[in-house]
């Protein structure tokens, strides 16, 4: 699989809180069938065990499709899952704090030029926005 930072295309986010009562795995299958370039699990309110279970299912779907799987916020769970990437927000662990825990590609959300400029020093991937809510 090519490096996560070099992929181009739709970066899809699966968030069980925003699936409108639809099965997140079904949505992920549809997004993957549509040709997304990367898929992220964002599950801020799920317990760790549920994140791991859903993460394993999504990761397998991503691997079967040749698409990187990214986990949001949780360096520890991303390392357990051996996710292809970890995505951090401005209020999460810093990249420097996450590096000893998670060894893969790390992305960071930014909300303006100055944050993006600082993120470019340490992050492999820079998220810009949000343009639309999750």
C-alpha atoms as a PDB file:
ATOM      1  CA  UNK A   1       0.000   0.000   0.000  1.00  0.00           C
ATOM      2  CA  UNK A   2       1.349   3.429  -0.866  1.00  0.00           C
ATOM      3  CA  UNK A   3       2.264   5.794   1.955  1.00  0.00           C
ATOM      4  CA  UNK A   4      -0.760   7.352   3.611  1.00  0.00           C
ATOM      5  CA  UNK A   5       0.579  10.877   3.121  1.00  0.00           C
ATOM      6  CA  UNK A   6       0.828  10.423  -0.667  1.00  0.00           C
ATOM      7  CA  UNK A   7      -2.727   9.200  -1.279  1.00  0.00           C
ATOM      8  CA  UNK A   8      -5.201  11.468  -3.022  1.00  0.00           C
ATOM      9  CA  UNK A   9      -8.977  11.286  -2.923  1.00  0.00           C
ATOM     10  CA  UNK A  10     -11.869  11.317  -0.470  1.00  0.00           C
ATOM     11  CA  UNK A  11     -10.905  10.921   3.191  1.00  0.00           C
ATOM     12  CA  UNK A  12     -14.004   9.305   4.697  1.00  0.00           C
ATOM     13  CA  UNK A  13     -14.867   9.489   8.389  1.00  0.00           C
ATOM     14  CA  UNK A  14     -17.103   6.880   9.999  1.00  0.00           C
ATOM     15  CA  UNK A  15     -18.604   8.154  13.246  1.00  0.00           C
ATOM     16  CA  UNK A  16     -21.285   5.939  14.827  1.00  0.00           C
ATOM     17  CA  UNK A  17     -22.869   9.040  16.388  1.00  0.00           C
ATOM     18  CA  UNK A  18     -23.541  10.459  12.921  1.00  0.00           C
ATOM     19  CA  UNK A  19     -24.726   7.394  11.013  1.00  0.00           C
ATOM     20  CA  UNK A  20     -28.451   8.241  11.289  1.00  0.00           C
ATOM     21  CA  UNK A  21     -29.305   4.821  12.819  1.00  0.00           C
ATOM     22  CA  UNK A  22     -27.520   3.006   9.976  1.00  0.00           C
ATOM     23  CA  UNK A  23     -24.890   0.353  10.653  1.00  0.00           C
ATOM     24  CA  UNK A  24     -21.439   2.014  10.555  1.00  0.00           C
ATOM     25  CA  UNK A  25     -19.985  -1.105   8.893  1.00  0.00           C
ATOM     26  CA  UNK A  26     -22.566  -0.915   6.121  1.00  0.00           C
ATOM     27  CA  UNK A  27     -21.725   2.758   5.586  1.00  0.00           C
ATOM     28  CA  UNK A  28     -18.015   1.898   5.520  1.00  0.00           C
ATOM     29  CA  UNK A  29     -18.613  -0.795   2.895  1.00  0.00           C
ATOM     30  CA  UNK A  30     -20.525   1.690   0.747  1.00  0.00           C
ATOM     31  CA  UNK A  31     -17.835   4.360   1.106  1.00  0.00           C
ATOM     32  CA  UNK A  32     -15.095   1.866   0.278  1.00  0.00           C
ATOM     33  CA  UNK A  33     -17.053   0.595  -2.730  1.00  0.00           C
ATOM     34  CA  UNK A  34     -17.301   4.225  -3.859  1.00  0.00           C
ATOM     35  CA  UNK A  35     -13.513   4.461  -3.960  1.00  0.00           C
ATOM     36  CA  UNK A  36     -12.438   6.485  -0.919  1.00  0.00           C
ATOM     37  CA  UNK A  37      -8.692   6.994  -0.474  1.00  0.00           C
ATOM     38  CA  UNK A  38      -8.631   6.603   3.323  1.00  0.00           C
ATOM     39  CA  UNK A  39     -11.125   5.728   6.056  1.00  0.00           C
ATOM     40  CA  UNK A  40     -11.087   7.025   9.618  1.00  0.00           C
ATOM     41  CA  UNK A  41     -12.994   5.731  12.638  1.00  0.00           C
ATOM     42  CA  UNK A  42     -14.087   8.594  14.869  1.00  0.00           C
ATOM     43  CA  UNK A  43     -15.826   7.219  17.969  1.00  0.00           C
ATOM     44  CA  UNK A  44     -15.547   9.735  20.774  1.00  0.00           C
ATOM     45  CA  UNK A  45     -18.255   8.214  23.002  1.00  0.00           C
ATOM     46  CA  UNK A  46     -17.702   4.472  22.595  1.00  0.00           C
ATOM     47  CA  UNK A  47     -15.989   2.424  25.314  1.00  0.00           C
ATOM     48  CA  UNK A  48     -12.516   1.124  24.488  1.00  0.00           C
ATOM     49  CA  UNK A  49     -13.705  -2.439  23.854  1.00  0.00           C
ATOM     50  CA  UNK A  50     -16.292  -1.249  21.345  1.00  0.00           C
ATOM     51  CA  UNK A  51     -13.726   0.955  19.589  1.00  0.00           C
ATOM     52  CA  UNK A  52     -11.369  -2.006  19.298  1.00  0.00           C
ATOM     53  CA  UNK A  53     -14.104  -4.317  17.987  1.00  0.00           C
ATOM     54  CA  UNK A  54     -15.357  -1.804  15.426  1.00  0.00           C
ATOM     55  CA  UNK A  55     -11.790  -0.840  14.579  1.00  0.00           C
ATOM     56  CA  UNK A  56     -10.884  -4.455  13.819  1.00  0.00           C
ATOM     57  CA  UNK A  57     -13.922  -4.837  11.549  1.00  0.00           C
ATOM     58  CA  UNK A  58     -13.247  -1.555   9.726  1.00  0.00           C
ATOM     59  CA  UNK A  59      -9.554  -2.297   9.446  1.00  0.00           C
ATOM     60  CA  UNK A  60     -10.296  -5.645   7.766  1.00  0.00           C
ATOM     61  CA  UNK A  61     -12.678  -3.961   5.315  1.00  0.00           C
ATOM     62  CA  UNK A  62      -9.996  -1.380   4.559  1.00  0.00           C
ATOM     63  CA  UNK A  63      -7.296  -4.007   4.061  1.00  0.00           C
ATOM     64  CA  UNK A  64      -9.563  -5.980   1.743  1.00  0.00           C
ATOM     65  CA  UNK A  65     -10.030  -2.759  -0.276  1.00  0.00           C
ATOM     66  CA  UNK A  66      -6.401  -1.634  -0.170  1.00  0.00           C
ATOM     67  CA  UNK A  67      -7.349   1.520   1.730  1.00  0.00           C
ATOM     68  CA  UNK A  68      -5.553   2.872   4.826  1.00  0.00           C
ATOM     69  CA  UNK A  69      -7.403   2.677   8.147  1.00  0.00           C
ATOM     70  CA  UNK A  70      -6.982   5.624  10.528  1.00  0.00           C
ATOM     71  CA  UNK A  71      -8.129   5.836  14.133  1.00  0.00           C
ATOM     72  CA  UNK A  72      -9.135   9.132  15.692  1.00  0.00           C
ATOM     73  CA  UNK A  73      -7.736  10.453  19.001  1.00  0.00           C
ATOM     74  CA  UNK A  74      -6.466   7.258  20.626  1.00  0.00           C
ATOM     75  CA  UNK A  75      -2.738   6.580  20.198  1.00  0.00           C
ATOM     76  CA  UNK A  76      -2.937   3.563  22.512  1.00  0.00           C
ATOM     77  CA  UNK A  77      -5.768   1.892  20.597  1.00  0.00           C
ATOM     78  CA  UNK A  78      -4.225   2.800  17.226  1.00  0.00           C
ATOM     79  CA  UNK A  79      -1.058   0.989  18.301  1.00  0.00           C
ATOM     80  CA  UNK A  80      -3.015  -2.057  19.528  1.00  0.00           C
ATOM     81  CA  UNK A  81      -4.860  -2.191  16.197  1.00  0.00           C
ATOM     82  CA  UNK A  82      -1.700  -1.389  14.250  1.00  0.00           C
ATOM     83  CA  UNK A  83      -3.757   1.163  12.352  1.00  0.00           C
ATOM     84  CA  UNK A  84      -2.233   2.752   9.267  1.00  0.00           C
ATOM     85  CA  UNK A  85      -2.666   6.174  10.818  1.00  0.00           C
ATOM     86  CA  UNK A  86      -3.675   8.140  13.887  1.00  0.00           C
ATOM     87  CA  UNK A  87      -5.571  11.401  13.650  1.00  0.00           C
ATOM     88  CA  UNK A  88      -5.282  13.939  16.455  1.00  0.00           C
ATOM     89  CA  UNK A  89      -7.238  17.096  17.135  1.00  0.00           C
ATOM     90  CA  UNK A  90      -5.965  20.341  18.598  1.00  0.00           C
ATOM     91  CA  UNK A  91      -7.171  19.288  22.083  1.00  0.00           C
ATOM     92  CA  UNK A  92      -5.815  15.722  21.993  1.00  0.00           C
ATOM     93  CA  UNK A  93      -2.322  14.474  22.800  1.00  0.00           C
ATOM     94  CA  UNK A  94       0.371  16.412  21.005  1.00  0.00           C
ATOM     95  CA  UNK A  95       2.209  14.601  18.243  1.00  0.00           C
ATOM     96  CA  UNK A  96       5.306  14.539  20.454  1.00  0.00           C
ATOM     97  CA  UNK A  97       3.299  12.885  23.259  1.00  0.00           C
ATOM     98  CA  UNK A  98       1.719  10.368  20.868  1.00  0.00           C
ATOM     99  CA  UNK A  99       4.972   9.265  19.168  1.00  0.00           C
ATOM    100  CA  UNK A 100       6.229   7.030  22.023  1.00  0.00           C
ATOM    101  CA  UNK A 101       2.842   5.264  22.039  1.00  0.00           C
ATOM    102  CA  UNK A 102       2.017   5.064  18.321  1.00  0.00           C
ATOM    103  CA  UNK A 103       4.685   4.461  15.681  1.00  0.00           C
ATOM    104  CA  UNK A 104       2.731   4.998  12.446  1.00  0.00           C
ATOM    105  CA  UNK A 105       1.699   8.067  10.451  1.00  0.00           C
ATOM    106  CA  UNK A 106       0.100  10.829  12.509  1.00  0.00           C
ATOM    107  CA  UNK A 107      -2.249  13.484  11.210  1.00  0.00           C
ATOM    108  CA  UNK A 108      -3.398  16.655  12.913  1.00  0.00           C
ATOM    109  CA  UNK A 109      -6.516  18.786  12.499  1.00  0.00           C
ATOM    110  CA  UNK A 110      -5.830  22.448  11.840  1.00  0.00           C
ATOM    111  CA  UNK A 111      -8.132  25.430  11.726  1.00  0.00           C
ATOM    112  CA  UNK A 112      -6.035  28.110  10.108  1.00  0.00           C
ATOM    113  CA  UNK A 113      -2.717  28.988   8.551  1.00  0.00           C
ATOM    114  CA  UNK A 114      -0.675  29.225  11.760  1.00  0.00           C
ATOM    115  CA  UNK A 115      -1.845  25.833  13.056  1.00  0.00           C
ATOM    116  CA  UNK A 116      -1.149  24.253   9.647  1.00  0.00           C
ATOM    117  CA  UNK A 117       2.324  25.796   9.524  1.00  0.00           C
ATOM    118  CA  UNK A 118       3.150  24.390  12.983  1.00  0.00           C
ATOM    119  CA  UNK A 119       1.620  21.009  12.135  1.00  0.00           C
ATOM    120  CA  UNK A 120       3.812  20.712   9.044  1.00  0.00           C
ATOM    121  CA  UNK A 121       6.854  20.425  11.331  1.00  0.00           C
ATOM    122  CA  UNK A 122       5.753  17.148  12.972  1.00  0.00           C
ATOM    123  CA  UNK A 123       2.654  15.713  11.243  1.00  0.00           C
ATOM    124  CA  UNK A 124       2.675  13.495   8.159  1.00  0.00           C
ATOM    125  CA  UNK A 125      -0.915  14.480   7.379  1.00  0.00           C
ATOM    126  CA  UNK A 126      -2.629  17.813   7.963  1.00  0.00           C
ATOM    127  CA  UNK A 127      -6.401  18.050   8.160  1.00  0.00           C
ATOM    128  CA  UNK A 128      -7.859  21.433   7.240  1.00  0.00           C
ATOM    129  CA  UNK A 129     -11.264  22.526   8.367  1.00  0.00           C
ATOM    130  CA  UNK A 130     -13.772  21.538   9.255  1.00  0.00           C
ATOM    131  CA  UNK A 131     -15.468  22.593   6.073  1.00  0.00           C
ATOM    132  CA  UNK A 132     -18.539  20.492   6.944  1.00  0.00           C
ATOM    133  CA  UNK A 133     -19.480  18.910  10.272  1.00  0.00           C
ATOM    134  CA  UNK A 134     -18.628  15.201  10.620  1.00  0.00           C
END
